[in-house]
């Protein structure tokens, strides 16, 4: 909040920062407002990382602006809700700069966290495993980097583009034997099994 000029215009739901170790008083000391959820949804602009759930949708007012990950292309219900309430939607997933999402680092962090999460469930250390990484987007690339640091051999994706932000997407259109070979290789890894 240090870089925000008018913190008095900011409203945070009670206990918003608690999970991160920031009590409400920290926000209040910076000039922000701490309020109940019902007051949050009376503001002109609502910022929430997730698209509003049906129970939250009942709290919105017509004509507001919603700012967050919306994924409207994947969900007709959220699209109908936004249109019906005449809500201006600013979709984070559609914000790009230099050819890639402005939240690319968030995707990398999610990939890195996913590695630790997966191994905590699997019960083995990374260097004891064969790993297949499917995809070379921001999350997949972060997984590859992290696995390489632990000594696991991986094959990175191919980058292209003015800023190195692009990735080659390949459709596997080969004969059936090659597809079977790919499946067999995945089965030898520790994450994919044929049912």
N, C-alpha and C. Protein backbone atom coordinates (compact mmCIF):
# COMPACT_ATOMS: atom_id res chain seq x y z
N UNK A 1 0.80 -1.20 0.00
CA UNK A 1 0.00 0.00 0.00
C UNK A 1 0.85 1.27 0.00
N UNK A 2 2.14 1.10 0.18
CA UNK A 2 3.03 2.26 0.27
C UNK A 2 2.94 3.13 -0.98
N UNK A 3 2.77 2.52 -2.15
CA UNK A 3 2.74 3.27 -3.40
C UNK A 3 1.35 3.78 -3.79
N UNK A 4 0.36 3.54 -2.97
CA UNK A 4 -1.01 3.98 -3.26
C UNK A 4 -1.22 5.36 -2.66
N UNK A 5 -1.66 6.31 -3.50
CA UNK A 5 -1.85 7.69 -3.04
C UNK A 5 -3.06 7.85 -2.13
N UNK A 6 -4.17 7.25 -2.48
CA UNK A 6 -5.41 7.45 -1.74
C UNK A 6 -5.89 6.14 -1.12
N UNK A 7 -5.22 5.70 -0.09
CA UNK A 7 -5.59 4.42 0.54
C UNK A 7 -6.97 4.47 1.18
N UNK A 8 -7.49 5.65 1.41
CA UNK A 8 -8.82 5.75 2.02
C UNK A 8 -9.91 5.23 1.08
N UNK A 9 -9.58 5.06 -0.21
CA UNK A 9 -10.53 4.51 -1.17
C UNK A 9 -10.49 2.98 -1.22
N UNK A 10 -9.58 2.37 -0.48
CA UNK A 10 -9.44 0.92 -0.49
C UNK A 10 -10.21 0.29 0.66
N UNK A 11 -10.95 -0.76 0.34
CA UNK A 11 -11.73 -1.50 1.34
C UNK A 11 -11.30 -2.96 1.30
N UNK A 12 -10.92 -3.48 2.45
CA UNK A 12 -10.52 -4.88 2.57
C UNK A 12 -11.49 -5.59 3.50
N UNK A 13 -11.80 -6.82 3.15
CA UNK A 13 -12.66 -7.63 4.02
C UNK A 13 -11.91 -7.96 5.31
N UNK A 14 -12.63 -8.00 6.42
CA UNK A 14 -12.02 -8.33 7.71
C UNK A 14 -11.20 -9.61 7.59
N UNK A 15 -10.02 -9.58 8.19
CA UNK A 15 -9.09 -10.71 8.22
C UNK A 15 -8.50 -11.05 6.86
N UNK A 16 -8.59 -10.15 5.90
CA UNK A 16 -8.09 -10.39 4.55
C UNK A 16 -6.62 -10.82 4.55
N UNK A 17 -5.78 -10.11 5.26
CA UNK A 17 -4.35 -10.38 5.21
C UNK A 17 -3.84 -11.35 6.26
N UNK A 18 -4.73 -11.85 7.08
CA UNK A 18 -4.33 -12.71 8.20
C UNK A 18 -3.53 -13.93 7.74
N UNK A 19 -3.97 -14.58 6.67
CA UNK A 19 -3.30 -15.78 6.18
C UNK A 19 -1.87 -15.47 5.74
N UNK A 20 -1.59 -14.23 5.40
CA UNK A 20 -0.25 -13.81 4.99
C UNK A 20 0.54 -13.20 6.14
N UNK A 21 -0.07 -13.16 7.31
CA UNK A 21 0.62 -12.60 8.47
C UNK A 21 0.43 -11.11 8.66
N UNK A 22 -0.56 -10.53 7.97
CA UNK A 22 -0.83 -9.10 8.10
C UNK A 22 -2.17 -8.90 8.80
N UNK A 23 -2.16 -8.41 10.02
CA UNK A 23 -3.43 -8.18 10.71
C UNK A 23 -4.15 -6.95 10.13
N UNK A 24 -5.44 -6.86 10.40
CA UNK A 24 -6.25 -5.74 9.92
C UNK A 24 -5.64 -4.39 10.28
N UNK A 25 -5.04 -4.32 11.45
CA UNK A 25 -4.46 -3.05 11.92
C UNK A 25 -3.39 -2.53 10.98
N UNK A 26 -2.63 -3.44 10.35
CA UNK A 26 -1.60 -2.99 9.41
C UNK A 26 -2.23 -2.23 8.25
N UNK A 27 -3.34 -2.72 7.74
CA UNK A 27 -4.03 -2.05 6.64
C UNK A 27 -4.64 -0.73 7.12
N UNK A 28 -5.22 -0.75 8.29
CA UNK A 28 -5.82 0.46 8.84
C UNK A 28 -4.76 1.53 9.10
N UNK A 29 -3.60 1.13 9.58
CA UNK A 29 -2.52 2.08 9.83
C UNK A 29 -2.02 2.74 8.55
N UNK A 30 -2.25 2.08 7.41
CA UNK A 30 -1.87 2.65 6.12
C UNK A 30 -3.01 3.48 5.52
N UNK A 31 -4.15 3.56 6.22
CA UNK A 31 -5.26 4.39 5.77
C UNK A 31 -6.38 3.64 5.07
N UNK A 32 -6.26 2.32 4.93
CA UNK A 32 -7.30 1.53 4.26
C UNK A 32 -8.44 1.22 5.22
N UNK A 33 -9.57 0.84 4.67
CA UNK A 33 -10.77 0.50 5.44
C UNK A 33 -10.89 -1.01 5.59
N UNK A 34 -11.24 -1.47 6.77
CA UNK A 34 -11.51 -2.89 7.04
C UNK A 34 -13.00 -3.01 7.32
N UNK A 35 -13.71 -3.80 6.48
CA UNK A 35 -15.17 -3.86 6.58
C UNK A 35 -15.67 -5.29 6.39
N UNK A 36 -16.97 -5.48 6.64
CA UNK A 36 -17.62 -6.76 6.40
C UNK A 36 -17.79 -6.99 4.90
N UNK A 37 -17.97 -8.24 4.52
CA UNK A 37 -18.12 -8.62 3.12
C UNK A 37 -19.25 -7.84 2.42
N UNK A 38 -20.34 -7.63 3.10
CA UNK A 38 -21.48 -6.94 2.48
C UNK A 38 -21.10 -5.52 2.04
N UNK A 39 -20.24 -4.87 2.81
CA UNK A 39 -19.79 -3.51 2.46
C UNK A 39 -18.83 -3.56 1.27
N UNK A 40 -18.01 -4.59 1.21
CA UNK A 40 -17.08 -4.75 0.09
C UNK A 40 -17.86 -4.71 -1.23
N UNK A 41 -18.96 -5.45 -1.28
CA UNK A 41 -19.72 -5.57 -2.53
C UNK A 41 -20.61 -4.37 -2.83
N UNK A 42 -20.52 -3.33 -2.03
CA UNK A 42 -21.24 -2.08 -2.31
C UNK A 42 -20.32 -1.07 -3.02
N UNK A 43 -19.04 -1.40 -3.17
CA UNK A 43 -18.07 -0.49 -3.76
C UNK A 43 -18.21 -0.48 -5.29
N UNK A 44 -17.68 0.57 -5.93
CA UNK A 44 -17.77 0.70 -7.38
C UNK A 44 -16.97 -0.36 -8.11
N UNK A 45 -15.80 -0.68 -7.58
CA UNK A 45 -14.90 -1.66 -8.21
C UNK A 45 -14.64 -2.78 -7.21
N UNK A 46 -14.84 -4.01 -7.66
CA UNK A 46 -14.59 -5.18 -6.82
C UNK A 46 -13.39 -5.92 -7.41
N UNK A 47 -12.38 -6.15 -6.61
CA UNK A 47 -11.20 -6.89 -7.03
C UNK A 47 -11.16 -8.20 -6.25
N UNK A 48 -11.18 -9.30 -6.98
CA UNK A 48 -11.12 -10.62 -6.36
C UNK A 48 -10.38 -11.53 -7.32
N UNK A 49 -9.46 -12.31 -6.82
CA UNK A 49 -8.66 -13.16 -7.69
C UNK A 49 -9.52 -14.16 -8.45
N UNK A 50 -10.61 -14.62 -7.87
CA UNK A 50 -11.48 -15.61 -8.50
C UNK A 50 -12.76 -14.98 -9.02
N UNK A 51 -13.34 -15.61 -10.03
CA UNK A 51 -14.65 -15.19 -10.50
C UNK A 51 -15.65 -15.38 -9.37
N UNK A 52 -16.64 -14.50 -9.27
CA UNK A 52 -17.59 -14.61 -8.16
C UNK A 52 -18.40 -15.90 -8.19
N UNK A 53 -18.46 -16.55 -7.04
CA UNK A 53 -19.28 -17.75 -6.87
C UNK A 53 -20.75 -17.32 -6.81
N UNK A 54 -21.68 -18.26 -7.05
CA UNK A 54 -23.11 -17.89 -7.02
C UNK A 54 -23.53 -17.17 -5.74
N UNK A 55 -23.01 -17.57 -4.58
CA UNK A 55 -23.39 -16.90 -3.33
C UNK A 55 -22.88 -15.46 -3.30
N UNK A 56 -21.72 -15.21 -3.91
CA UNK A 56 -21.18 -13.85 -3.98
C UNK A 56 -21.95 -13.00 -4.98
N UNK A 57 -22.42 -13.63 -6.04
CA UNK A 57 -23.12 -12.90 -7.09
C UNK A 57 -24.35 -12.17 -6.56
N UNK A 58 -24.94 -12.70 -5.51
CA UNK A 58 -26.12 -12.06 -4.93
C UNK A 58 -25.77 -10.74 -4.24
N UNK A 59 -24.48 -10.52 -3.96
CA UNK A 59 -24.05 -9.31 -3.26
C UNK A 59 -23.71 -8.16 -4.21
N UNK A 60 -23.56 -8.44 -5.50
CA UNK A 60 -23.19 -7.42 -6.47
C UNK A 60 -24.34 -6.46 -6.75
N UNK A 61 -23.98 -5.27 -7.20
CA UNK A 61 -24.95 -4.26 -7.62
C UNK A 61 -24.79 -4.03 -9.13
N UNK A 62 -25.86 -3.65 -9.79
CA UNK A 62 -25.79 -3.36 -11.23
C UNK A 62 -24.78 -2.26 -11.50
N UNK A 63 -24.05 -2.43 -12.61
CA UNK A 63 -23.16 -1.38 -13.09
C UNK A 63 -21.79 -1.32 -12.44
N UNK A 64 -21.46 -2.25 -11.57
CA UNK A 64 -20.14 -2.23 -10.94
C UNK A 64 -19.07 -2.68 -11.94
N UNK A 65 -17.82 -2.61 -11.50
CA UNK A 65 -16.69 -3.13 -12.26
C UNK A 65 -16.08 -4.26 -11.46
N UNK A 66 -15.83 -5.38 -12.13
CA UNK A 66 -15.18 -6.53 -11.48
C UNK A 66 -13.82 -6.72 -12.12
N UNK A 67 -12.81 -6.89 -11.28
CA UNK A 67 -11.42 -6.97 -11.69
C UNK A 67 -10.83 -8.23 -11.09
N UNK A 68 -10.45 -9.20 -11.93
CA UNK A 68 -9.88 -10.45 -11.43
C UNK A 68 -9.84 -11.51 -12.51
N UNK A 69 -9.48 -12.74 -12.14
CA UNK A 69 -9.52 -13.86 -13.07
C UNK A 69 -10.99 -14.26 -13.24
N UNK A 70 -11.48 -14.16 -14.45
CA UNK A 70 -12.90 -14.36 -14.70
C UNK A 70 -13.16 -15.67 -15.45
N UNK A 71 -12.32 -15.99 -16.41
CA UNK A 71 -12.48 -17.20 -17.23
C UNK A 71 -13.87 -17.27 -17.84
N UNK A 72 -14.33 -16.15 -18.37
CA UNK A 72 -15.68 -16.08 -18.95
C UNK A 72 -15.82 -16.97 -20.18
N UNK A 73 -14.74 -17.20 -20.90
CA UNK A 73 -14.83 -18.05 -22.09
C UNK A 73 -15.13 -19.50 -21.72
N UNK A 74 -14.74 -19.91 -20.52
CA UNK A 74 -14.97 -21.29 -20.09
C UNK A 74 -16.31 -21.47 -19.38
N UNK A 75 -16.96 -20.38 -19.03
CA UNK A 75 -18.18 -20.51 -18.24
C UNK A 75 -19.30 -19.61 -18.70
N UNK A 76 -20.32 -20.18 -19.26
CA UNK A 76 -21.46 -19.40 -19.74
C UNK A 76 -22.19 -18.72 -18.58
N UNK A 77 -22.25 -19.38 -17.42
CA UNK A 77 -23.00 -18.82 -16.29
C UNK A 77 -22.38 -17.51 -15.82
N UNK A 78 -21.06 -17.45 -15.72
CA UNK A 78 -20.41 -16.21 -15.26
C UNK A 78 -20.62 -15.11 -16.30
N UNK A 79 -20.55 -15.47 -17.57
CA UNK A 79 -20.78 -14.49 -18.64
C UNK A 79 -22.19 -13.94 -18.57
N UNK A 80 -23.17 -14.82 -18.41
CA UNK A 80 -24.56 -14.38 -18.30
C UNK A 80 -24.76 -13.48 -17.08
N UNK A 81 -24.12 -13.83 -15.97
CA UNK A 81 -24.23 -13.00 -14.76
C UNK A 81 -23.67 -11.60 -15.02
N UNK A 82 -22.47 -11.52 -15.57
CA UNK A 82 -21.84 -10.22 -15.81
C UNK A 82 -22.67 -9.36 -16.76
N UNK A 83 -23.16 -9.97 -17.83
CA UNK A 83 -23.98 -9.23 -18.79
C UNK A 83 -25.30 -8.80 -18.17
N UNK A 84 -25.93 -9.71 -17.44
CA UNK A 84 -27.23 -9.41 -16.83
C UNK A 84 -27.16 -8.29 -15.81
N UNK A 85 -26.05 -8.19 -15.11
CA UNK A 85 -25.88 -7.14 -14.09
C UNK A 85 -25.20 -5.90 -14.66
N UNK A 86 -24.91 -5.92 -15.97
CA UNK A 86 -24.22 -4.80 -16.62
C UNK A 86 -22.91 -4.46 -15.91
N UNK A 87 -22.19 -5.50 -15.55
CA UNK A 87 -20.91 -5.34 -14.85
C UNK A 87 -19.79 -5.24 -15.88
N UNK A 88 -18.95 -4.23 -15.73
CA UNK A 88 -17.76 -4.12 -16.55
C UNK A 88 -16.73 -5.08 -15.97
N UNK A 89 -16.26 -6.00 -16.80
CA UNK A 89 -15.32 -7.02 -16.33
C UNK A 89 -13.94 -6.78 -16.91
N UNK A 90 -12.95 -6.75 -16.05
CA UNK A 90 -11.55 -6.65 -16.48
C UNK A 90 -10.91 -7.99 -16.12
N UNK A 91 -10.67 -8.80 -17.15
CA UNK A 91 -10.20 -10.17 -16.96
C UNK A 91 -8.68 -10.21 -16.93
N UNK A 92 -8.12 -10.57 -15.80
CA UNK A 92 -6.67 -10.65 -15.66
C UNK A 92 -6.06 -11.62 -16.67
N UNK A 93 -6.77 -12.71 -16.96
CA UNK A 93 -6.21 -13.70 -17.88
C UNK A 93 -6.09 -13.18 -19.30
N UNK A 94 -6.72 -12.04 -19.59
CA UNK A 94 -6.66 -11.44 -20.92
C UNK A 94 -5.74 -10.22 -20.97
N UNK A 95 -4.93 -10.02 -19.94
CA UNK A 95 -4.01 -8.88 -19.90
C UNK A 95 -2.62 -9.35 -20.31
N UNK A 96 -2.13 -8.80 -21.44
CA UNK A 96 -0.84 -9.22 -21.98
C UNK A 96 0.08 -8.03 -22.16
N UNK A 97 1.37 -8.30 -22.09
CA UNK A 97 2.40 -7.30 -22.37
C UNK A 97 3.54 -8.03 -23.05
N UNK A 98 3.98 -7.50 -24.17
CA UNK A 98 5.05 -8.11 -24.95
C UNK A 98 4.75 -9.58 -25.27
N UNK A 99 3.50 -9.88 -25.55
CA UNK A 99 3.14 -11.20 -26.01
C UNK A 99 2.89 -12.25 -24.94
N UNK A 100 2.98 -11.90 -23.69
CA UNK A 100 2.68 -12.89 -22.65
C UNK A 100 1.86 -12.26 -21.53
N UNK A 101 1.19 -13.11 -20.78
CA UNK A 101 0.33 -12.63 -19.71
C UNK A 101 1.14 -11.81 -18.71
N UNK A 102 0.53 -10.75 -18.20
CA UNK A 102 1.24 -9.92 -17.22
C UNK A 102 1.42 -10.67 -15.90
N UNK A 103 0.71 -11.78 -15.73
CA UNK A 103 0.83 -12.57 -14.51
C UNK A 103 1.70 -13.81 -14.72
N UNK A 104 2.64 -13.74 -15.66
CA UNK A 104 3.47 -14.90 -15.97
C UNK A 104 4.23 -15.40 -14.75
N UNK A 105 4.69 -14.50 -13.90
CA UNK A 105 5.44 -14.94 -12.72
C UNK A 105 4.53 -15.70 -11.75
N UNK A 106 3.27 -15.30 -11.65
CA UNK A 106 2.33 -16.05 -10.82
C UNK A 106 2.21 -17.48 -11.31
N UNK A 107 2.17 -17.65 -12.64
CA UNK A 107 2.09 -19.00 -13.21
C UNK A 107 3.34 -19.81 -12.89
N UNK A 108 4.50 -19.16 -12.94
CA UNK A 108 5.74 -19.85 -12.58
C UNK A 108 5.71 -20.30 -11.13
N UNK A 109 5.28 -19.42 -10.26
CA UNK A 109 5.20 -19.76 -8.83
C UNK A 109 4.26 -20.95 -8.63
N UNK A 110 3.15 -20.95 -9.36
CA UNK A 110 2.20 -22.07 -9.26
C UNK A 110 2.86 -23.37 -9.70
N UNK A 111 3.64 -23.32 -10.77
CA UNK A 111 4.35 -24.51 -11.23
C UNK A 111 5.35 -25.01 -10.20
N UNK A 112 6.12 -24.08 -9.64
CA UNK A 112 7.11 -24.44 -8.62
C UNK A 112 6.43 -25.04 -7.40
N UNK A 113 5.36 -24.40 -6.95
CA UNK A 113 4.64 -24.90 -5.78
C UNK A 113 4.04 -26.27 -6.08
N UNK A 114 3.60 -26.47 -7.31
CA UNK A 114 3.03 -27.75 -7.70
C UNK A 114 4.02 -28.90 -7.58
N UNK A 115 5.29 -28.62 -7.88
CA UNK A 115 6.33 -29.65 -7.74
C UNK A 115 6.43 -30.10 -6.29
N UNK A 116 6.55 -29.14 -5.39
CA UNK A 116 6.67 -29.48 -3.96
C UNK A 116 5.41 -30.18 -3.46
N UNK A 117 4.27 -29.70 -3.91
CA UNK A 117 3.00 -30.30 -3.49
C UNK A 117 2.92 -31.75 -3.97
N UNK A 118 3.28 -31.98 -5.23
CA UNK A 118 3.21 -33.33 -5.80
C UNK A 118 4.14 -34.29 -5.06
N UNK A 119 5.36 -33.85 -4.80
CA UNK A 119 6.31 -34.74 -4.12
C UNK A 119 5.93 -34.98 -2.67
N UNK A 120 5.26 -34.03 -2.04
CA UNK A 120 4.82 -34.27 -0.66
C UNK A 120 3.76 -35.36 -0.62
N UNK A 121 2.93 -35.45 -1.64
CA UNK A 121 1.93 -36.52 -1.71
C UNK A 121 2.55 -37.83 -2.17
N UNK A 122 3.51 -37.74 -3.07
CA UNK A 122 4.11 -38.94 -3.64
C UNK A 122 4.98 -39.68 -2.62
N UNK A 123 5.60 -38.94 -1.73
CA UNK A 123 6.38 -39.56 -0.66
C UNK A 123 7.78 -39.98 -1.05
N UNK A 124 8.27 -39.45 -2.16
CA UNK A 124 9.64 -39.74 -2.57
C UNK A 124 10.33 -38.43 -2.92
N UNK A 125 11.63 -38.44 -2.89
CA UNK A 125 12.40 -37.25 -3.24
C UNK A 125 12.51 -37.15 -4.75
N UNK A 126 12.63 -35.93 -5.27
CA UNK A 126 12.65 -35.75 -6.72
C UNK A 126 13.74 -36.56 -7.43
N UNK A 127 14.93 -36.65 -6.84
CA UNK A 127 16.01 -37.36 -7.52
C UNK A 127 15.80 -38.87 -7.54
N UNK A 128 14.78 -39.36 -6.88
CA UNK A 128 14.45 -40.79 -6.91
C UNK A 128 13.41 -41.11 -7.98
N UNK A 129 13.04 -40.14 -8.80
CA UNK A 129 11.91 -40.30 -9.71
C UNK A 129 12.28 -39.98 -11.15
N UNK A 130 11.48 -40.53 -12.05
CA UNK A 130 11.44 -40.09 -13.43
C UNK A 130 10.22 -39.19 -13.53
N UNK A 131 10.37 -38.07 -14.19
CA UNK A 131 9.26 -37.11 -14.25
C UNK A 131 8.99 -36.73 -15.70
N UNK A 132 7.73 -36.76 -16.07
CA UNK A 132 7.30 -36.27 -17.37
C UNK A 132 6.62 -34.92 -17.16
N UNK A 133 7.11 -33.89 -17.83
CA UNK A 133 6.50 -32.56 -17.75
C UNK A 133 5.76 -32.33 -19.06
N UNK A 134 4.46 -32.15 -18.95
CA UNK A 134 3.64 -31.95 -20.14
C UNK A 134 3.31 -30.46 -20.23
N UNK A 135 3.85 -29.82 -21.25
CA UNK A 135 3.60 -28.39 -21.45
C UNK A 135 4.83 -27.57 -21.13
N UNK A 136 5.00 -26.49 -21.89
CA UNK A 136 6.14 -25.60 -21.68
C UNK A 136 5.69 -24.15 -21.58
N UNK A 137 4.51 -23.95 -21.00
CA UNK A 137 4.07 -22.59 -20.71
C UNK A 137 4.83 -22.06 -19.52
N UNK A 138 4.35 -21.01 -18.91
CA UNK A 138 5.05 -20.42 -17.77
C UNK A 138 5.18 -21.41 -16.62
N UNK A 139 4.11 -22.11 -16.28
CA UNK A 139 4.15 -23.07 -15.17
C UNK A 139 5.05 -24.25 -15.51
N UNK A 140 4.89 -24.80 -16.72
CA UNK A 140 5.71 -25.94 -17.13
C UNK A 140 7.19 -25.60 -17.19
N UNK A 141 7.52 -24.42 -17.69
CA UNK A 141 8.92 -24.00 -17.75
C UNK A 141 9.52 -23.86 -16.36
N UNK A 142 8.74 -23.35 -15.42
CA UNK A 142 9.22 -23.23 -14.04
C UNK A 142 9.45 -24.61 -13.44
N UNK A 143 8.57 -25.56 -13.74
CA UNK A 143 8.75 -26.93 -13.26
C UNK A 143 10.05 -27.50 -13.81
N UNK A 144 10.28 -27.32 -15.10
CA UNK A 144 11.50 -27.83 -15.73
C UNK A 144 12.73 -27.23 -15.07
N UNK A 145 12.75 -25.91 -14.87
CA UNK A 145 13.90 -25.26 -14.22
C UNK A 145 14.15 -25.83 -12.83
N UNK A 146 13.08 -25.97 -12.07
CA UNK A 146 13.21 -26.47 -10.70
C UNK A 146 13.72 -27.91 -10.69
N UNK A 147 13.19 -28.75 -11.56
CA UNK A 147 13.63 -30.14 -11.62
C UNK A 147 15.08 -30.24 -12.05
N UNK A 148 15.49 -29.39 -13.00
CA UNK A 148 16.90 -29.40 -13.42
C UNK A 148 17.82 -29.05 -12.26
N UNK A 149 17.40 -28.13 -11.40
CA UNK A 149 18.21 -27.76 -10.24
C UNK A 149 18.37 -28.90 -9.25
N UNK A 150 17.42 -29.86 -9.26
CA UNK A 150 17.52 -31.00 -8.35
C UNK A 150 18.27 -32.16 -9.00
N UNK A 151 18.74 -31.96 -10.23
CA UNK A 151 19.52 -32.99 -10.89
C UNK A 151 18.72 -33.91 -11.79
N UNK A 152 17.45 -33.65 -11.96
CA UNK A 152 16.63 -34.47 -12.85
C UNK A 152 16.83 -33.99 -14.28
N UNK A 153 17.02 -34.92 -15.19
CA UNK A 153 17.21 -34.57 -16.59
C UNK A 153 15.84 -34.36 -17.22
N UNK A 154 15.67 -33.19 -17.83
CA UNK A 154 14.42 -32.86 -18.51
C UNK A 154 14.74 -32.25 -19.86
N UNK A 155 13.77 -32.25 -20.74
CA UNK A 155 13.94 -31.62 -22.04
C UNK A 155 13.08 -30.37 -22.08
N UNK A 156 13.70 -29.19 -22.15
CA UNK A 156 12.91 -27.96 -22.15
C UNK A 156 12.21 -27.74 -23.48
N UNK A 157 11.20 -26.88 -23.45
CA UNK A 157 10.51 -26.49 -24.67
C UNK A 157 11.36 -25.54 -25.49
N UNK A 158 10.92 -25.25 -26.68
CA UNK A 158 11.65 -24.36 -27.58
C UNK A 158 11.00 -22.99 -27.55
N UNK A 159 11.76 -21.95 -27.27
CA UNK A 159 11.22 -20.60 -27.22
C UNK A 159 11.44 -19.88 -28.53
N UNK A 160 10.58 -18.96 -28.86
CA UNK A 160 10.73 -18.09 -30.01
C UNK A 160 10.02 -16.78 -29.71
N UNK A 161 10.14 -15.84 -30.60
CA UNK A 161 9.45 -14.56 -30.42
C UNK A 161 10.44 -13.47 -30.09
N UNK A 162 10.02 -12.26 -30.31
CA UNK A 162 10.88 -11.09 -30.11
C UNK A 162 11.46 -11.03 -28.70
N UNK A 163 10.67 -11.43 -27.71
CA UNK A 163 11.11 -11.36 -26.32
C UNK A 163 11.37 -12.74 -25.72
N UNK A 164 11.39 -13.77 -26.55
CA UNK A 164 11.60 -15.11 -26.04
C UNK A 164 10.42 -15.67 -25.28
N UNK A 165 9.26 -15.04 -25.48
CA UNK A 165 8.10 -15.40 -24.69
C UNK A 165 7.26 -16.50 -25.33
N UNK A 166 7.50 -16.82 -26.58
CA UNK A 166 6.65 -17.78 -27.27
C UNK A 166 7.13 -19.21 -27.09
N UNK A 167 6.23 -20.13 -27.27
CA UNK A 167 6.56 -21.54 -27.17
C UNK A 167 5.96 -22.27 -28.35
N UNK A 168 6.70 -23.24 -28.86
CA UNK A 168 6.19 -24.06 -29.94
C UNK A 168 5.16 -25.03 -29.38
N UNK A 169 3.98 -25.04 -29.95
CA UNK A 169 2.95 -26.01 -29.58
C UNK A 169 2.90 -27.04 -30.70
N UNK A 170 3.10 -28.27 -30.37
CA UNK A 170 3.16 -29.32 -31.38
C UNK A 170 1.96 -30.24 -31.24
N UNK A 171 1.26 -30.48 -32.34
CA UNK A 171 0.20 -31.47 -32.36
C UNK A 171 0.81 -32.78 -32.82
N UNK A 172 0.63 -33.83 -32.07
CA UNK A 172 1.21 -35.12 -32.40
C UNK A 172 0.32 -35.80 -33.44
N UNK A 173 0.73 -35.71 -34.70
CA UNK A 173 -0.05 -36.30 -35.79
C UNK A 173 0.83 -37.31 -36.51
N UNK A 174 1.12 -38.41 -35.83
CA UNK A 174 1.98 -39.44 -36.38
C UNK A 174 1.24 -40.77 -36.35
N UNK A 175 1.90 -41.81 -36.87
CA UNK A 175 1.24 -43.10 -36.92
C UNK A 175 1.01 -43.67 -35.52
N UNK A 176 0.15 -44.65 -35.45
CA UNK A 176 -0.30 -45.21 -34.17
C UNK A 176 0.85 -45.80 -33.36
N UNK A 177 1.84 -46.40 -34.01
CA UNK A 177 2.98 -47.00 -33.29
C UNK A 177 3.75 -45.94 -32.51
N UNK A 178 3.94 -44.77 -33.10
CA UNK A 178 4.65 -43.68 -32.40
C UNK A 178 3.86 -43.22 -31.19
N UNK A 179 2.53 -43.17 -31.32
CA UNK A 179 1.70 -42.79 -30.18
C UNK A 179 1.82 -43.82 -29.06
N UNK A 180 1.82 -45.11 -29.41
CA UNK A 180 1.99 -46.16 -28.41
C UNK A 180 3.33 -46.02 -27.70
N UNK A 181 4.36 -45.69 -28.47
CA UNK A 181 5.69 -45.50 -27.88
C UNK A 181 5.68 -44.34 -26.89
N UNK A 182 4.98 -43.26 -27.24
CA UNK A 182 4.89 -42.11 -26.33
C UNK A 182 4.18 -42.50 -25.04
N UNK A 183 3.09 -43.27 -25.16
CA UNK A 183 2.36 -43.72 -23.98
C UNK A 183 3.24 -44.62 -23.12
N UNK A 184 3.98 -45.52 -23.75
CA UNK A 184 4.88 -46.42 -23.01
C UNK A 184 5.93 -45.62 -22.24
N UNK A 185 6.47 -44.59 -22.86
CA UNK A 185 7.47 -43.76 -22.17
C UNK A 185 6.86 -43.04 -20.97
N UNK A 186 5.65 -42.52 -21.15
CA UNK A 186 4.97 -41.86 -20.03
C UNK A 186 4.71 -42.84 -18.90
N UNK A 187 4.36 -44.09 -19.25
CA UNK A 187 4.10 -45.09 -18.22
C UNK A 187 5.35 -45.41 -17.41
N UNK A 188 6.51 -45.26 -18.03
CA UNK A 188 7.77 -45.53 -17.31
C UNK A 188 8.11 -44.40 -16.34
N UNK A 189 7.49 -43.24 -16.55
CA UNK A 189 7.70 -42.16 -15.60
C UNK A 189 6.89 -42.47 -14.35
N UNK A 190 7.10 -41.72 -13.31
CA UNK A 190 6.43 -41.97 -12.04
C UNK A 190 5.10 -41.24 -11.91
N UNK A 191 4.67 -40.52 -12.94
CA UNK A 191 3.43 -39.76 -12.79
C UNK A 191 2.30 -40.21 -13.69
N UNK A 192 2.58 -41.05 -14.68
CA UNK A 192 1.52 -41.45 -15.60
C UNK A 192 1.40 -42.97 -15.62
N UNK A 193 0.21 -43.46 -15.45
CA UNK A 193 -0.08 -44.89 -15.48
C UNK A 193 -1.32 -45.14 -16.33
N UNK A 194 -1.30 -46.21 -17.10
CA UNK A 194 -2.47 -46.59 -17.89
C UNK A 194 -3.43 -47.34 -16.99
N UNK A 195 -4.70 -46.96 -17.02
CA UNK A 195 -5.72 -47.63 -16.20
C UNK A 195 -6.30 -48.80 -16.96
